[in-house]
Amino acid sequence: IWIQWCLGSLSDADVVAFLQRCRKGLADPGGLLVIKDNVFDVQSCTDAWEKGSDGAKYLVDQNDNSVIRSREHFKALLDRCGLQQVCPPRNADLGTDELYPVEMHALR
């Protein structure tokens, strides 16, 4: 299952529910879920990020109202879904510095 730049349009609860359904739909053995999405580092981000009531850190894109989650928060959501990393997350080099970092996660 390939998920690319759509989780930012979902609430945290919807992300967890969606990924749990995806996990159940993976072929066994060997099924793989790949997520490609923007993240940001709280320590190095110069934009004004927001903090949710649960402590989650995120940025809101004013153009489309999507969110970019902090790297830590994104990882916590994946953990809540019961998904395991197959390999360390990889940065997708898109050849521009104008975007927030894009990470790819391979999960089971």
C-alpha atoms as a PDB file:
ATOM      1  CA  ILE A   1       0.000   0.000   0.000  1.00  0.00           C
ATOM      2  CA  TRP A   2       1.469   3.368  -1.038  1.00  0.00           C
ATOM      3  CA  ILE A   3       0.331   6.506   0.826  1.00  0.00           C
ATOM      4  CA  GLN A   4       1.757   9.778  -0.425  1.00  0.00           C
ATOM      5  CA  TRP A   5       0.951  13.261   0.895  1.00  0.00           C
ATOM      6  CA  CYS A   6      -2.574  12.585   2.103  1.00  0.00           C
ATOM      7  CA  LEU A   7      -2.205  12.046   5.875  1.00  0.00           C
ATOM      8  CA  GLY A   8      -1.838  15.805   6.382  1.00  0.00           C
ATOM      9  CA  SER A   9      -5.500  16.170   5.441  1.00  0.00           C
ATOM     10  CA  LEU A  10      -6.624  13.820   8.223  1.00  0.00           C
ATOM     11  CA  SER A  11      -6.992  14.348  11.952  1.00  0.00           C
ATOM     12  CA  ASP A  12      -4.735  12.282  14.213  1.00  0.00           C
ATOM     13  CA  ALA A  13      -7.629   9.976  15.112  1.00  0.00           C
ATOM     14  CA  ASP A  14      -8.445   9.457  11.425  1.00  0.00           C
ATOM     15  CA  VAL A  15      -4.781   8.744  10.605  1.00  0.00           C
ATOM     16  CA  VAL A  16      -4.652   6.052  13.293  1.00  0.00           C
ATOM     17  CA  ALA A  17      -7.949   4.480  12.194  1.00  0.00           C
ATOM     18  CA  PHE A  18      -6.934   4.554   8.510  1.00  0.00           C
ATOM     19  CA  LEU A  19      -3.502   3.031   9.109  1.00  0.00           C
ATOM     20  CA  GLN A  20      -4.945   0.320  11.349  1.00  0.00           C
ATOM     21  CA  ARG A  21      -7.333  -0.646   8.519  1.00  0.00           C
ATOM     22  CA  CYS A  22      -4.425  -0.627   6.062  1.00  0.00           C
ATOM     23  CA  ARG A  23      -2.391  -2.853   8.387  1.00  0.00           C
ATOM     24  CA  LYS A  24      -5.213  -5.397   8.454  1.00  0.00           C
ATOM     25  CA  GLY A  25      -5.347  -5.353   4.651  1.00  0.00           C
ATOM     26  CA  LEU A  26      -1.674  -6.120   4.097  1.00  0.00           C
ATOM     27  CA  ALA A  27      -0.868  -9.396   2.354  1.00  0.00           C
ATOM     28  CA  ASP A  28       0.633 -11.928   4.712  1.00  0.00           C
ATOM     29  CA  PRO A  29       3.519 -12.575   4.594  1.00  0.00           C
ATOM     30  CA  GLY A  30       5.446  -9.774   3.014  1.00  0.00           C
ATOM     31  CA  GLY A  31       2.842  -7.028   2.725  1.00  0.00           C
ATOM     32  CA  LEU A  32       4.298  -3.566   2.944  1.00  0.00           C
ATOM     33  CA  LEU A  33       2.903  -0.125   3.721  1.00  0.00           C
ATOM     34  CA  VAL A  34       4.911   2.843   2.422  1.00  0.00           C
ATOM     35  CA  ILE A  35       4.189   6.377   3.619  1.00  0.00           C
ATOM     36  CA  LYS A  36       5.725   9.445   2.009  1.00  0.00           C
ATOM     37  CA  ASP A  37       4.954  12.712   3.764  1.00  0.00           C
ATOM     38  CA  ASN A  38       6.398  15.987   5.007  1.00  0.00           C
ATOM     39  CA  VAL A  39       7.680  16.284   8.570  1.00  0.00           C
ATOM     40  CA  PHE A  40       9.550  18.959  10.487  1.00  0.00           C
ATOM     41  CA  ASP A  41      12.093  19.090  13.281  1.00  0.00           C
ATOM     42  CA  VAL A  42      10.929  21.168  16.229  1.00  0.00           C
ATOM     43  CA  GLN A  43      14.479  22.236  17.097  1.00  0.00           C
ATOM     44  CA  SER A  44      15.346  23.573  13.637  1.00  0.00           C
ATOM     45  CA  CYS A  45      11.963  24.828  12.407  1.00  0.00           C
ATOM     46  CA  THR A  46      11.841  28.609  12.074  1.00  0.00           C
ATOM     47  CA  ASP A  47       8.111  28.734  11.288  1.00  0.00           C
ATOM     48  CA  ALA A  48       5.552  29.174  14.053  1.00  0.00           C
ATOM     49  CA  TRP A  49       4.405  25.683  14.904  1.00  0.00           C
ATOM     50  CA  GLU A  50       1.381  24.957  17.053  1.00  0.00           C
ATOM     51  CA  LYS A  51       0.940  22.669  20.013  1.00  0.00           C
ATOM     52  CA  GLY A  52      -2.193  20.583  20.377  1.00  0.00           C
ATOM     53  CA  SER A  53      -3.934  19.838  23.658  1.00  0.00           C
ATOM     54  CA  ASP A  54      -2.177  16.448  23.709  1.00  0.00           C
ATOM     55  CA  GLY A  55       1.248  18.076  23.261  1.00  0.00           C
ATOM     56  CA  ALA A  56       1.499  17.202  19.563  1.00  0.00           C
ATOM     57  CA  LYS A  57       3.462  19.696  17.499  1.00  0.00           C
ATOM     58  CA  TYR A  58       2.366  20.585  13.979  1.00  0.00           C
ATOM     59  CA  LEU A  59       2.322  23.290  11.308  1.00  0.00           C
ATOM     60  CA  VAL A  60      -0.843  24.350   9.498  1.00  0.00           C
ATOM     61  CA  ASP A  61      -0.641  25.084   5.772  1.00  0.00           C
ATOM     62  CA  GLN A  62      -2.797  28.188   5.363  1.00  0.00           C
ATOM     63  CA  ASN A  63      -3.353  27.444   1.654  1.00  0.00           C
ATOM     64  CA  ASP A  64      -5.102  24.101   2.046  1.00  0.00           C
ATOM     65  CA  ASN A  65      -5.506  23.684   5.838  1.00  0.00           C
ATOM     66  CA  SER A  66      -3.447  20.512   5.856  1.00  0.00           C
ATOM     67  CA  VAL A  67      -0.969  19.859   8.654  1.00  0.00           C
ATOM     68  CA  ILE A  68       2.682  18.923   8.742  1.00  0.00           C
ATOM     69  CA  ARG A  69       3.436  16.937  11.871  1.00  0.00           C
ATOM     70  CA  SER A  70       6.663  17.045  13.805  1.00  0.00           C
ATOM     71  CA  ARG A  71       8.908  14.040  13.231  1.00  0.00           C
ATOM     72  CA  GLU A  72       8.315  12.913  16.829  1.00  0.00           C
ATOM     73  CA  HIS A  73       4.539  13.212  16.577  1.00  0.00           C
ATOM     74  CA  PHE A  74       4.453  11.371  13.249  1.00  0.00           C
ATOM     75  CA  LYS A  75       6.459   8.502  14.786  1.00  0.00           C
ATOM     76  CA  ALA A  76       4.092   8.391  17.778  1.00  0.00           C
ATOM     77  CA  LEU A  77       1.101   8.032  15.430  1.00  0.00           C
ATOM     78  CA  LEU A  78       2.777   5.126  13.634  1.00  0.00           C
ATOM     79  CA  ASP A  79       3.470   3.459  16.992  1.00  0.00           C
ATOM     80  CA  ARG A  80      -0.204   3.829  18.005  1.00  0.00           C
ATOM     81  CA  CYS A  81      -1.205   1.920  14.858  1.00  0.00           C
ATOM     82  CA  GLY A  82       0.889  -1.102  15.749  1.00  0.00           C
ATOM     83  CA  LEU A  83       3.072  -0.692  12.674  1.00  0.00           C
ATOM     84  CA  GLN A  84       6.752  -1.617  12.749  1.00  0.00           C
ATOM     85  CA  GLN A  85       9.462   0.065  10.685  1.00  0.00           C
ATOM     86  CA  VAL A  86      11.019  -2.354   8.186  1.00  0.00           C
ATOM     87  CA  CYS A  87      14.026  -0.031   7.784  1.00  0.00           C
ATOM     88  CA  PRO A  88      14.951   3.418   9.070  1.00  0.00           C
ATOM     89  CA  PRO A  89      12.940   6.283   7.525  1.00  0.00           C
ATOM     90  CA  ARG A  90      14.576   7.719   4.428  1.00  0.00           C
ATOM     91  CA  ASN A  91      14.679  11.311   3.317  1.00  0.00           C
ATOM     92  CA  ALA A  92      13.337  11.850  -0.176  1.00  0.00           C
ATOM     93  CA  ASP A  93      15.663  14.285  -1.917  1.00  0.00           C
ATOM     94  CA  LEU A  94      13.372  16.322  -4.154  1.00  0.00           C
ATOM     95  CA  GLY A  95      16.107  18.731  -5.195  1.00  0.00           C
ATOM     96  CA  THR A  96      14.657  21.795  -3.504  1.00  0.00           C
ATOM     97  CA  ASP A  97      15.079  23.561  -0.189  1.00  0.00           C
ATOM     98  CA  GLU A  98      11.648  25.173  -0.459  1.00  0.00           C
ATOM     99  CA  LEU A  99       9.806  22.188   1.030  1.00  0.00           C
ATOM    100  CA  TYR A 100       9.754  20.745   4.511  1.00  0.00           C
ATOM    101  CA  PRO A 101      11.673  17.486   4.733  1.00  0.00           C
ATOM    102  CA  VAL A 102       9.945  14.559   3.046  1.00  0.00           C
ATOM    103  CA  GLU A 103      10.343  11.177   4.721  1.00  0.00           C
ATOM    104  CA  MET A 104       9.500   7.746   3.418  1.00  0.00           C
ATOM    105  CA  HIS A 105       8.551   5.010   5.878  1.00  0.00           C
ATOM    106  CA  ALA A 106       8.369   1.297   5.044  1.00  0.00           C
ATOM    107  CA  LEU A 107       6.159  -0.450   7.592  1.00  0.00           C
ATOM    108  CA  ARG A 108       4.489  -3.749   8.457  1.00  0.00           C
END
